[in-house]
Amino acid sequence: MKKKVSLFAGLLLVVGTVLAACSGGAQPSASTPPKQETGAPAAQTAEKKPQVFRANLTSEPSTADPGLAKDATSGAVVRATFDGLTRLDKDSKPMNSMASDIKVSDDNRVYTFTLRDAKWSNGDPVTAQDFEFAWKRVLDPKLAAEYAYQLYYIKNAEKVHTGKAKPEELGVKVLDDKKLEVTLENPTPYFLELTAFYTYYPVDKKIVEANPKWANEAATHVSNGPFKMRSWEHKSKIVLEKNENYWDKDAVKLDQIDFAMIEDDSTALSMFENGELDWAGQPLGGLPTDAIPALKESGKLVVHPKATMYWYKLNTTKGPLSNAKIRKALSYTVDRKSIVDNITQVGQVPTMGMLPQSMIIKSEGYFKDHDTETAKQLLQEGLKELGLTSLPPITLSYNTTDRHKKIAEAVQDQWKKALGIDVKLANKEFKVHLEDLHSLNYDIGRLGWNADFNDPINYLEMFRDAKTGNNDTGWEDTRYKELLQKSALESDPSKRTQLFAEAEQIFMDAMPVIPLFTDVDIWVQNDKVKGVQVDGLGFIDLKWAEMVQ
């Protein structure tokens, strides 16, 4: 027997600091946008001015393909142009979207999704086969999708991805064009949050099979979301326009979104102040750190907590960073409090563990911040184990923004003063930086991680296997993997947390990343901008955005 699922109760997700700039009042339904205090007249005339929202992306999106999206920049574009079975509301809770109805079996392992009538931007009907095709495509090793492991909750997904099962053995069954049955490996309380994530989005099977490069250019890009891509001037500008074929088009108020691509945060802020942008800062771009005090004092700065870690990943496969004691020495040396007080300046929390504040297990952390004496001892022990007398040259890489540069310079200086070591800095264009991390072509690399859903497993599972798409450190541990596998079978919340605690201890003893702080989103926006949803996970959704005239 199956039961109809309630999307607003009984879910694990509890994050959701409500953004002042977001809508208030009742939660949105799938067919009704969040209510906004816009001050706009009730009746709109046919001559109304087109609504155009202008914002800056710090860099060129790495992709516009939901199956390959892996970063916040590409995620923002994909989330605007595609729609999943569910979609997150402003409180990070899932609501029906492409699915008009969802039923769940009594054992919470079988989900039956009924799709609403919907079309792709080219007029093709969206079918259950498109979802099945999209998920099997992500699991095909040939695609090299870094987020493939997010589908492992589906029965046999991991086996399909690793070649131990055939694609037809995946726990996904098309019952008809409008019905999709999904069988999970184990009950997963947050599965409907996962189906709102872009790895679970559909793609137009007919288009993708005909042209593998369909997502590289606006002319061939086909989507099913609130907006469609009109133009893509690479490394310059992306223009999205309202998708007239979107099933919920009446909820979409914006006629057009203009995304500029300007790496320099000061330039982007100047454009905002000159009226050339309606939004500057996160989650789409950045703000210059030097401008933050004045923006705070003026009351223009929006500060929004999120479940995001800012850290430095370490390549554990080569050189001196293959030694855990040297990795720990570098981590212990960092003065996180100084960084959040003097550089980031807007409430970031120094974090001495791998989990953000909203899901933290050991609040006091696994080591002391700025513990230089222990760091010096660990460095000498590590060098001795490697048969070295001094640390060979290493490089800290980061993608080009003002904030990343200043943080890197501060950490470089701290390592020099405390440990007497010289670390080179290298800034790179974001797409290149990500590619180098993924191919282990780096020593130390900056990266932030936005939670996909508010549960520790979202962070822990990233490092389960050395070849997991977003690991990027080369580190893995047998016991760590066993603990995560046990947690998937554990229904007792307290016992599950104990398994997570043991796993995090193993991870922090190995230190494949240097955690710095739990981050926040900061931005400035035009007073006319209403309805932009930035949730507690750091996701931005422009479906309900509007420009009040």
Protein backbone atom coordinates (compact mmCIF):
# COMPACT_ATOMS: atom_id res chain seq x y z
CA MET A 1 0.00 0.00 0.00
CA LYS A 2 1.23 3.49 -0.75
CA LYS A 3 0.65 6.70 1.11
CA LYS A 4 0.60 10.23 -0.17
CA VAL A 5 3.60 12.16 1.03
CA SER A 6 3.42 15.51 2.79
CA LEU A 7 6.22 17.73 1.62
CA PHE A 8 5.99 20.09 4.57
CA ALA A 9 6.21 17.70 7.50
CA GLY A 10 8.45 15.00 8.85
CA LEU A 11 11.50 15.94 6.83
CA LEU A 12 15.00 16.02 8.23
CA LEU A 13 15.82 19.48 6.93
CA VAL A 14 15.60 22.15 9.61
CA VAL A 15 17.69 24.97 8.18
CA GLY A 16 15.94 28.07 6.97
CA THR A 17 16.84 31.45 8.35
CA VAL A 18 14.32 33.60 6.57
CA LEU A 19 15.87 36.24 4.39
CA ALA A 20 14.54 39.73 4.96
CA ALA A 21 14.60 40.41 1.25
CA CYS A 22 12.63 37.24 0.50
CA SER A 23 8.90 36.91 0.59
CA GLY A 24 6.97 36.73 3.81
CA GLY A 25 3.67 35.17 4.76
CA ALA A 26 2.45 31.77 3.63
CA GLN A 27 4.77 29.24 2.06
CA PRO A 28 4.55 29.05 -1.73
CA SER A 29 2.63 26.29 -3.44
CA ALA A 30 3.67 24.79 -6.73
CA SER A 31 1.22 26.99 -8.58
CA THR A 32 1.34 30.17 -6.52
CA PRO A 33 4.44 32.36 -6.15
CA PRO A 34 5.39 33.63 -2.69
CA LYS A 35 3.41 36.75 -1.80
CA GLN A 36 5.45 39.92 -1.99
CA GLU A 37 4.92 43.35 -0.51
CA THR A 38 5.70 44.99 -3.79
CA GLY A 39 3.61 48.11 -3.75
CA ALA A 40 2.80 47.39 -7.40
CA PRO A 41 -0.72 48.15 -8.63
CA ALA A 42 -3.13 45.24 -8.70
CA ALA A 43 -3.95 45.72 -12.34
CA GLN A 44 -1.14 45.56 -14.87
CA THR A 45 -1.47 47.22 -18.21
CA ALA A 46 -0.37 45.71 -21.48
CA GLU A 47 2.14 48.53 -21.84
CA LYS A 48 4.06 47.62 -18.69
CA LYS A 49 7.82 47.88 -18.90
CA PRO A 50 9.63 44.54 -19.36
CA GLN A 51 11.08 43.26 -16.11
CA VAL A 52 14.84 42.75 -16.47
CA PHE A 53 17.04 41.57 -13.61
CA ARG A 54 20.79 42.29 -13.95
CA ALA A 55 23.44 40.55 -11.87
CA ASN A 56 27.07 39.53 -12.07
CA LEU A 57 28.52 36.02 -12.15
CA THR A 58 32.08 36.06 -10.87
CA SER A 59 33.15 33.76 -13.67
CA GLU A 60 32.06 31.79 -16.71
CA PRO A 61 29.78 28.92 -15.62
CA SER A 62 31.58 25.61 -15.92
CA THR A 63 28.52 24.20 -17.68
CA ALA A 64 24.81 24.73 -18.34
CA ASP A 65 24.14 20.96 -18.21
CA PRO A 66 22.39 19.88 -14.98
CA GLY A 67 24.08 16.49 -15.14
CA LEU A 68 27.50 18.12 -15.06
CA ALA A 69 26.88 21.19 -12.88
CA LYS A 70 29.16 21.19 -9.84
CA ASP A 71 29.57 24.76 -8.60
CA ALA A 72 27.44 27.67 -7.42
CA THR A 73 27.86 29.66 -10.64
CA SER A 74 26.70 26.93 -13.00
CA GLY A 75 24.13 25.89 -10.40
CA ALA A 76 22.50 29.33 -10.47
CA VAL A 77 22.11 29.19 -14.25
CA VAL A 78 20.86 25.60 -14.23
CA ARG A 79 18.39 26.27 -11.41
CA ALA A 80 16.92 29.16 -13.40
CA THR A 81 16.59 27.15 -16.59
CA PHE A 82 15.52 23.71 -15.31
CA ASP A 83 12.93 22.24 -12.98
CA GLY A 84 13.02 19.03 -10.96
CA LEU A 85 10.37 16.75 -9.55
CA THR A 86 10.44 18.99 -6.49
CA ARG A 87 11.70 22.53 -5.88
CA LEU A 88 12.86 24.09 -2.62
CA ASP A 89 10.90 26.91 -1.07
CA LYS A 90 12.45 29.84 0.82
CA ASP A 91 12.81 27.68 3.94
CA SER A 92 14.68 24.96 2.03
CA LYS A 93 11.69 22.62 2.17
CA PRO A 94 10.65 20.73 -0.96
CA MET A 95 7.35 21.28 -2.71
CA ASN A 96 5.85 19.60 -5.74
CA SER A 97 7.16 21.03 -8.98
CA MET A 98 7.40 18.82 -12.09
CA ALA A 99 5.67 16.18 -9.98
CA SER A 100 1.97 16.93 -9.50
CA ASP A 101 1.61 14.03 -7.08
CA ILE A 102 4.01 11.91 -5.01
CA LYS A 103 3.19 8.68 -3.23
CA VAL A 104 5.51 6.76 -0.92
CA SER A 105 5.30 3.10 0.06
CA ASP A 106 4.80 2.10 3.70
CA ASP A 107 8.45 1.05 3.99
CA ASN A 108 9.55 4.47 2.65
CA ARG A 109 11.61 2.91 -0.12
CA VAL A 110 9.39 3.24 -3.20
CA TYR A 111 8.36 6.64 -4.55
CA THR A 112 5.83 7.03 -7.34
CA PHE A 113 5.92 10.39 -9.08
CA THR A 114 3.08 11.57 -11.31
CA LEU A 115 4.29 14.25 -13.72
CA ARG A 116 2.19 17.25 -14.64
CA ASP A 117 1.68 18.21 -18.29
CA ALA A 118 4.79 20.18 -19.22
CA LYS A 119 6.93 21.01 -22.22
CA TRP A 120 10.58 21.60 -22.93
CA SER A 121 11.55 25.07 -24.18
CA ASN A 122 11.51 23.69 -27.75
CA GLY A 123 7.94 22.39 -27.36
CA ASP A 124 8.76 18.72 -26.77
CA PRO A 125 6.69 17.10 -24.00
CA VAL A 126 8.54 16.37 -20.75
CA THR A 127 8.13 12.67 -20.00
CA ALA A 128 9.07 10.16 -17.33
CA GLN A 129 11.54 8.73 -19.85
CA ASP A 130 13.43 12.04 -19.77
CA PHE A 131 14.04 11.63 -16.03
CA GLU A 132 15.06 7.99 -16.39
CA PHE A 133 17.41 8.87 -19.25
CA ALA A 134 18.93 11.81 -17.34
CA TRP A 135 19.72 9.75 -14.24
CA LYS A 136 21.20 6.84 -16.19
CA ARG A 137 23.23 9.35 -18.17
CA VAL A 138 24.70 10.82 -14.97
CA LEU A 139 25.61 7.33 -13.80
CA ASP A 140 27.34 6.48 -17.08
CA PRO A 141 31.11 6.68 -16.31
CA LYS A 142 31.66 8.10 -19.79
CA LEU A 143 29.92 11.34 -18.77
CA ALA A 144 32.31 11.75 -15.81
CA ALA A 145 29.65 13.52 -13.75
CA GLU A 146 31.26 14.59 -10.48
CA TYR A 147 27.90 14.50 -8.68
CA ALA A 148 27.02 10.95 -9.76
CA TYR A 149 27.30 9.76 -6.16
CA GLN A 150 24.26 11.88 -5.26
CA LEU A 151 22.17 9.28 -7.09
CA TYR A 152 23.53 6.42 -4.97
CA TYR A 153 20.39 6.55 -2.81
CA ILE A 154 18.57 4.87 -5.71
CA LYS A 155 18.71 1.08 -5.75
CA ASN A 156 21.77 -0.24 -7.64
CA ALA A 157 22.89 3.27 -8.62
CA GLU A 158 26.40 2.83 -7.25
CA LYS A 159 26.70 -0.57 -8.92
CA VAL A 160 25.61 0.89 -12.23
CA HIS A 161 28.10 3.74 -11.90
CA THR A 162 30.96 1.38 -11.08
CA GLY A 163 30.10 -1.17 -13.77
CA LYS A 164 28.88 -3.86 -11.36
CA ALA A 165 25.30 -3.72 -12.62
CA LYS A 166 23.61 -2.97 -15.91
CA PRO A 167 21.73 0.33 -16.41
CA GLU A 168 18.44 -1.55 -16.69
CA GLU A 169 18.96 -2.78 -13.10
CA LEU A 170 18.72 0.77 -11.75
CA GLY A 171 15.79 1.19 -9.36
CA VAL A 172 13.90 3.47 -11.75
CA LYS A 173 10.87 2.28 -13.71
CA VAL A 174 8.83 4.23 -16.24
CA LEU A 175 5.22 3.18 -15.67
CA ASP A 176 3.96 5.41 -18.48
CA ASP A 177 4.80 8.80 -19.98
CA LYS A 178 3.62 10.55 -16.82
CA LYS A 179 4.52 8.10 -14.06
CA LEU A 180 7.95 7.30 -12.66
CA GLU A 181 8.59 4.71 -9.94
CA VAL A 182 11.81 5.04 -7.95
CA THR A 183 13.08 2.38 -5.53
CA LEU A 184 15.72 3.39 -2.98
CA GLU A 185 18.45 1.32 -1.39
CA ASN A 186 17.27 2.38 2.07
CA PRO A 187 14.68 4.76 3.51
CA THR A 188 16.03 8.27 2.94
CA PRO A 189 14.14 11.01 4.85
CA TYR A 190 15.61 13.76 2.70
CA PHE A 191 15.06 12.14 -0.70
CA LEU A 192 12.53 14.78 -1.79
CA GLU A 193 15.16 17.43 -1.05
CA LEU A 194 17.54 15.55 -3.32
CA THR A 195 15.04 15.51 -6.18
CA ALA A 196 15.10 19.31 -6.04
CA PHE A 197 18.86 19.26 -6.66
CA TYR A 198 20.13 19.71 -10.22
CA THR A 199 21.76 16.27 -10.50
CA TYR A 200 18.19 14.91 -10.43
CA TYR A 201 16.89 17.28 -13.11
CA PRO A 202 15.65 15.81 -16.41
CA VAL A 203 17.15 16.49 -19.83
CA ASP A 204 15.41 16.23 -23.18
CA LYS A 205 16.40 12.73 -24.29
CA LYS A 206 15.82 13.46 -27.97
CA ILE A 207 18.03 16.57 -27.92
CA VAL A 208 20.88 15.07 -25.88
CA GLU A 209 21.08 11.91 -27.97
CA ALA A 210 21.19 13.95 -31.17
CA ASN A 211 23.85 16.42 -29.97
CA PRO A 212 26.22 15.61 -27.07
CA LYS A 213 27.30 19.28 -27.03
CA TRP A 214 23.77 20.58 -26.71
CA ALA A 215 24.46 22.48 -23.46
CA ASN A 216 27.50 24.41 -24.71
CA GLU A 217 25.66 27.11 -26.66
CA ALA A 218 22.41 29.02 -26.29
CA ALA A 219 21.25 28.05 -29.78
CA THR A 220 21.12 24.35 -28.83
CA HIS A 221 20.31 24.62 -25.13
CA VAL A 222 16.91 23.13 -24.27
CA SER A 223 15.45 23.36 -20.76
CA ASN A 224 12.20 22.92 -18.84
CA GLY A 225 12.49 25.62 -16.18
CA PRO A 226 11.18 29.14 -15.57
CA PHE A 227 13.69 30.63 -18.02
CA LYS A 228 15.40 29.60 -21.23
CA MET A 229 18.74 30.69 -22.62
CA ARG A 230 18.60 33.39 -25.27
CA SER A 231 22.33 34.04 -25.68
CA TRP A 232 25.69 33.03 -24.22
CA GLU A 233 28.66 35.22 -25.02
CA HIS A 234 31.35 33.09 -23.40
CA LYS A 235 33.30 34.80 -20.63
CA SER A 236 31.20 37.90 -21.19
CA LYS A 237 27.43 37.58 -20.75
CA ILE A 238 24.49 35.18 -20.50
CA VAL A 239 20.94 36.33 -21.22
CA LEU A 240 17.98 34.28 -20.06
CA GLU A 241 14.37 35.00 -20.97
CA LYS A 242 11.05 33.82 -19.62
CA ASN A 243 10.18 30.35 -20.89
CA GLU A 244 6.71 30.56 -22.42
CA ASN A 245 6.50 26.75 -22.31
CA TYR A 246 7.11 26.51 -18.55
CA TRP A 247 4.25 24.75 -16.78
CA ASP A 248 4.09 27.44 -14.06
CA LYS A 249 4.80 30.45 -16.31
CA ASP A 250 2.15 32.60 -14.61
CA ALA A 251 4.27 32.57 -11.42
CA VAL A 252 7.28 33.94 -13.31
CA LYS A 253 7.38 37.75 -13.27
CA LEU A 254 10.78 38.48 -14.80
CA ASP A 255 10.92 38.80 -18.56
CA GLN A 256 14.71 38.63 -18.74
CA ILE A 257 17.83 37.95 -16.69
CA ASP A 258 21.14 39.47 -17.74
CA PHE A 259 24.19 37.79 -16.20
CA ALA A 260 27.46 39.67 -16.67
CA MET A 261 30.77 37.86 -16.04
CA ILE A 262 33.16 40.19 -14.24
CA GLU A 263 35.89 38.69 -12.07
CA ASP A 264 36.83 41.94 -10.32
CA ASP A 265 34.55 42.49 -7.33
CA SER A 266 35.28 46.22 -7.15
CA THR A 267 34.20 46.67 -10.76
CA ALA A 268 30.97 44.75 -10.11
CA LEU A 269 30.20 46.89 -7.06
CA SER A 270 30.86 50.07 -9.05
CA MET A 271 28.46 48.86 -11.72
CA PHE A 272 25.83 48.29 -9.04
CA GLU A 273 26.35 51.75 -7.58
CA ASN A 274 26.11 53.24 -11.08
CA GLY A 275 22.79 51.50 -11.70
CA GLU A 276 24.17 48.99 -14.21
CA LEU A 277 23.47 45.97 -11.96
CA ASP A 278 20.52 45.15 -9.70
CA TRP A 279 22.46 42.69 -7.54
CA ALA A 280 26.11 42.49 -6.51
CA GLY A 281 27.64 39.85 -4.26
CA GLN A 282 26.82 36.32 -3.26
CA PRO A 283 25.56 33.79 -4.05
CA LEU A 284 26.20 34.89 -7.64
CA GLY A 285 29.43 36.83 -7.24
CA GLY A 286 31.49 38.61 -4.62
CA LEU A 287 32.01 41.96 -2.92
CA PRO A 288 35.37 43.64 -2.26
CA THR A 289 36.33 43.10 1.38
CA ASP A 290 37.46 46.72 1.76
CA ALA A 291 33.93 47.92 0.99
CA ILE A 292 32.18 45.74 3.58
CA PRO A 293 32.46 48.07 6.63
CA ALA A 294 30.93 51.02 4.75
CA LEU A 295 28.19 48.84 3.25
CA LYS A 296 27.35 47.49 6.71
CA GLU A 297 27.21 50.97 8.21
CA SER A 298 24.97 52.22 5.42
CA GLY A 299 22.48 49.45 6.05
CA LYS A 300 22.67 48.29 2.43
CA LEU A 301 24.48 45.02 3.11
CA VAL A 302 22.35 41.88 3.36
CA VAL A 303 23.96 39.14 5.51
CA HIS A 304 22.41 35.68 5.24
CA PRO A 305 23.63 32.60 7.19
CA LYS A 306 24.03 29.38 5.24
CA ALA A 307 25.20 25.78 5.61
CA THR A 308 28.48 26.35 3.81
CA MET A 309 32.10 25.58 4.65
CA TYR A 310 35.07 27.58 3.39
CA TRP A 311 38.15 25.40 3.32
CA TYR A 312 41.42 24.52 1.64
CA LYS A 313 41.63 21.09 0.07
CA LEU A 314 44.97 19.29 0.19
CA ASN A 315 46.37 16.98 -2.47
CA THR A 316 47.31 13.98 -0.33
CA THR A 317 48.71 11.93 -3.22
CA LYS A 318 52.14 13.51 -3.62
CA GLY A 319 54.97 15.48 -2.03
CA PRO A 320 55.06 16.63 1.58
CA LEU A 321 51.26 16.92 1.78
CA SER A 322 51.03 13.13 1.59
CA ASN A 323 52.04 13.25 5.27
CA ALA A 324 49.14 13.74 7.72
CA LYS A 325 51.29 15.49 10.33
CA ILE A 326 52.37 18.13 7.86
CA ARG A 327 48.76 18.63 6.76
CA LYS A 328 47.73 19.04 10.40
CA ALA A 329 50.59 21.45 11.06
CA LEU A 330 49.36 23.71 8.28
CA SER A 331 45.78 23.55 9.56
CA TYR A 332 46.61 24.14 13.23
CA THR A 333 48.68 27.23 12.35
CA VAL A 334 45.84 29.17 10.72
CA ASP A 335 44.37 32.00 12.77
CA ARG A 336 40.73 31.70 11.75
CA LYS A 337 39.43 34.28 14.22
CA SER A 338 41.76 36.89 12.75
CA ILE A 339 40.50 36.09 9.25
CA VAL A 340 36.79 36.39 10.11
CA ASP A 341 37.35 39.50 12.25
CA ASN A 342 39.58 41.41 9.87
CA ILE A 343 38.89 40.12 6.35
CA THR A 344 35.46 38.56 5.96
CA GLN A 345 33.93 40.73 8.74
CA VAL A 346 30.27 39.68 8.54
CA GLY A 347 29.67 36.92 11.07
CA GLN A 348 31.51 33.93 9.64
CA VAL A 349 32.23 31.37 12.39
CA PRO A 350 35.74 29.88 12.80
CA THR A 351 35.25 26.13 12.41
CA MET A 352 37.71 23.44 13.49
CA GLY A 353 35.85 20.52 11.96
CA MET A 354 34.46 19.51 8.56
CA LEU A 355 30.79 20.41 9.19
CA PRO A 356 29.04 23.82 9.12
CA GLN A 357 27.23 25.18 12.17
CA SER A 358 23.76 23.98 11.13
CA MET A 359 24.83 20.33 11.26
CA ILE A 360 27.87 20.42 13.53
CA ILE A 361 28.53 17.36 15.72
CA LYS A 362 31.49 18.45 17.85
CA SER A 363 30.92 22.14 18.53
CA GLU A 364 34.31 22.71 20.19
CA GLY A 365 36.13 21.34 17.16
CA TYR A 366 38.95 18.84 16.85
CA PHE A 367 41.88 21.17 17.53
CA LYS A 368 42.63 24.66 18.81
CA ASP A 369 42.55 27.60 16.48
CA HIS A 370 45.99 29.08 15.79
CA ASP A 371 47.82 26.41 17.86
CA THR A 372 51.29 27.27 16.57
CA GLU A 373 53.27 25.32 19.19
CA THR A 374 51.58 22.02 18.34
CA ALA A 375 51.89 22.89 14.65
CA LYS A 376 55.66 23.39 14.89
CA GLN A 377 56.07 20.02 16.60
CA LEU A 378 53.89 18.25 14.01
CA LEU A 379 55.80 19.86 11.15
CA GLN A 380 59.14 18.61 12.46
CA GLU A 381 57.76 15.13 13.07
CA GLY A 382 56.28 15.02 9.59
CA LEU A 383 59.49 16.17 7.92
CA LYS A 384 61.43 13.52 9.85
CA GLU A 385 59.03 10.80 8.70
CA LEU A 386 59.61 11.89 5.10
CA GLY A 387 63.37 12.16 5.56
CA LEU A 388 63.34 15.90 4.92
CA THR A 389 64.94 18.80 6.75
CA SER A 390 62.71 21.50 5.25
CA LEU A 391 59.42 21.76 3.42
CA PRO A 392 59.75 21.62 -0.39
CA PRO A 393 57.97 24.35 -2.41
CA ILE A 394 54.18 24.17 -2.29
CA THR A 395 51.52 26.37 -3.91
CA LEU A 396 48.16 27.59 -2.64
CA SER A 397 45.71 28.03 -5.53
CA TYR A 398 42.49 30.01 -5.52
CA ASN A 399 40.01 31.36 -8.05
CA THR A 400 40.18 35.06 -8.74
CA THR A 401 38.15 37.19 -6.34
CA ASP A 402 39.15 39.89 -3.89
CA ARG A 403 38.10 37.89 -0.84
CA HIS A 404 39.89 34.70 -1.83
CA LYS A 405 43.04 36.68 -2.55
CA LYS A 406 43.09 38.45 0.81
CA ILE A 407 42.40 35.24 2.76
CA ALA A 408 45.15 33.41 0.86
CA GLU A 409 47.61 36.23 1.54
CA ALA A 410 46.74 36.19 5.25
CA VAL A 411 47.21 32.41 5.54
CA GLN A 412 50.45 32.61 3.55
CA ASP A 413 51.72 35.20 6.04
CA GLN A 414 50.62 33.13 9.05
CA TRP A 415 52.48 30.07 7.76
CA LYS A 416 55.57 32.16 7.15
CA LYS A 417 55.59 33.75 10.62
CA ALA A 418 54.69 30.64 12.62
CA LEU A 419 56.42 27.87 10.68
CA GLY A 420 59.03 29.74 8.67
CA ILE A 421 57.79 28.27 5.39
CA ASP A 422 57.26 29.98 2.06
CA VAL A 423 54.08 29.07 0.20
CA LYS A 424 53.51 30.43 -3.29
CA LEU A 425 50.10 31.78 -4.33
CA ALA A 426 48.44 31.15 -7.68
CA ASN A 427 45.13 32.63 -8.79
CA LYS A 428 43.21 31.04 -11.66
CA GLU A 429 40.01 31.47 -13.63
CA PHE A 430 37.32 29.51 -11.82
CA LYS A 431 36.72 26.84 -14.46
CA VAL A 432 40.45 26.13 -14.74
CA HIS A 433 40.77 26.09 -10.95
CA LEU A 434 38.00 23.47 -10.66
CA GLU A 435 39.54 21.32 -13.39
CA ASP A 436 42.94 21.42 -11.67
CA LEU A 437 41.38 20.39 -8.35
CA HIS A 438 39.51 17.52 -9.93
CA SER A 439 42.59 16.24 -11.76
CA LEU A 440 44.75 16.62 -8.61
CA ASN A 441 46.90 19.15 -10.44
CA TYR A 442 47.49 21.26 -7.33
CA ASP A 443 49.03 21.29 -3.83
CA ILE A 444 46.56 23.32 -1.73
CA GLY A 445 43.33 24.56 -3.29
CA ARG A 446 40.58 26.88 -2.05
CA LEU A 447 37.00 25.78 -2.30
CA GLY A 448 33.70 26.48 -0.61
CA TRP A 449 31.09 23.79 -0.21
CA ASN A 450 27.38 24.64 -0.10
CA ALA A 451 25.30 21.88 1.44
CA ASP A 452 22.93 20.21 -1.00
CA PHE A 453 20.68 19.24 1.93
CA ASN A 454 21.05 19.85 5.65
CA ASP A 455 22.44 16.57 6.91
CA PRO A 456 26.05 15.63 7.85
CA ILE A 457 26.10 12.83 5.28
CA ASN A 458 26.13 15.48 2.55
CA TYR A 459 29.64 16.48 3.65
CA LEU A 460 30.87 13.10 4.83
CA GLU A 461 29.93 11.18 1.68
CA MET A 462 32.02 13.51 -0.47
CA PHE A 463 35.17 11.85 0.87
CA ARG A 464 33.93 8.26 0.98
CA ASP A 465 36.08 7.22 -1.98
CA ALA A 466 39.20 8.76 -3.45
CA LYS A 467 37.48 8.85 -6.85
CA THR A 468 34.20 10.32 -5.64
CA GLY A 469 33.50 13.21 -7.99
CA ASN A 470 33.93 16.04 -5.48
CA ASN A 471 36.64 14.53 -3.25
CA ASP A 472 39.58 16.19 -5.05
CA THR A 473 42.06 15.20 -2.31
CA GLY A 474 42.96 11.62 -3.21
CA TRP A 475 42.24 10.58 0.38
CA GLU A 476 40.16 7.60 1.44
CA ASP A 477 39.93 5.34 4.49
CA THR A 478 38.42 1.87 4.84
CA ARG A 479 36.97 2.39 8.31
CA TYR A 480 35.56 5.77 7.32
CA LYS A 481 33.77 4.12 4.40
CA GLU A 482 32.39 1.35 6.64
CA LEU A 483 30.95 3.90 9.06
CA LEU A 484 29.11 5.73 6.29
CA GLN A 485 27.72 2.47 4.95
CA LYS A 486 26.45 1.60 8.43
CA SER A 487 24.89 5.04 8.82
CA ALA A 488 22.77 4.42 5.71
CA LEU A 489 21.17 1.44 7.46
CA GLU A 490 20.78 3.05 10.88
CA SER A 491 17.28 4.31 11.70
CA ASP A 492 18.07 5.46 15.26
CA PRO A 493 19.07 9.17 15.00
CA SER A 494 21.38 9.10 18.03
CA LYS A 495 23.24 6.00 16.83
CA ARG A 496 23.50 7.49 13.36
CA THR A 497 25.06 10.63 14.87
CA GLN A 498 27.56 8.46 16.77
CA LEU A 499 28.63 6.86 13.50
CA PHE A 500 29.06 10.30 11.96
CA ALA A 501 31.11 11.47 14.95
CA GLU A 502 33.53 8.55 14.61
CA ALA A 503 33.83 9.15 10.88
CA GLU A 504 34.52 12.87 11.33
CA GLN A 505 37.21 12.06 13.91
CA ILE A 506 38.95 9.81 11.37
CA PHE A 507 38.71 12.55 8.78
CA MET A 508 40.11 15.26 11.06
CA ASP A 509 42.96 12.98 12.20
CA ALA A 510 43.89 12.61 8.53
CA MET A 511 43.20 16.31 7.69
CA PRO A 512 42.73 16.09 3.90
CA VAL A 513 41.19 19.57 4.08
CA ILE A 514 41.95 22.64 6.18
CA PRO A 515 38.60 23.94 7.49
CA LEU A 516 38.49 27.70 7.93
CA PHE A 517 34.97 28.93 8.71
CA THR A 518 31.24 28.43 8.29
CA ASP A 519 30.36 31.04 5.70
CA VAL A 520 27.50 33.46 5.07
CA ASP A 521 26.14 35.06 1.92
CA ILE A 522 26.46 38.83 1.58
CA TRP A 523 25.13 41.07 -1.15
CA VAL A 524 23.56 44.41 -2.04
CA GLN A 525 20.44 44.71 -4.15
CA ASN A 526 18.33 47.28 -5.92
CA ASP A 527 15.32 48.27 -3.83
CA LYS A 528 13.11 47.29 -6.77
CA VAL A 529 14.23 43.65 -6.54
CA LYS A 530 11.69 41.45 -4.75
CA GLY A 531 11.10 37.73 -4.42
CA VAL A 532 14.63 36.40 -4.90
CA GLN A 533 14.92 33.27 -2.79
CA VAL A 534 18.24 32.65 -1.07
CA ASP A 535 17.77 29.74 1.28
CA GLY A 536 19.69 28.38 4.24
CA LEU A 537 21.76 26.17 1.96
CA GLY A 538 23.01 29.10 -0.10
CA PHE A 539 20.91 28.29 -3.16
CA ILE A 540 19.52 31.19 -5.16
CA ASP A 541 16.25 30.76 -7.05
CA LEU A 542 15.00 33.46 -9.41
CA LYS A 543 11.71 31.80 -10.32
CA TRP A 544 9.65 34.18 -8.15
CA ALA A 545 11.87 37.25 -8.53
CA GLU A 546 10.45 40.50 -9.87
CA MET A 547 11.43 44.11 -10.49
CA VAL A 548 8.84 46.39 -8.94
CA GLN A 549 8.29 49.43 -11.14
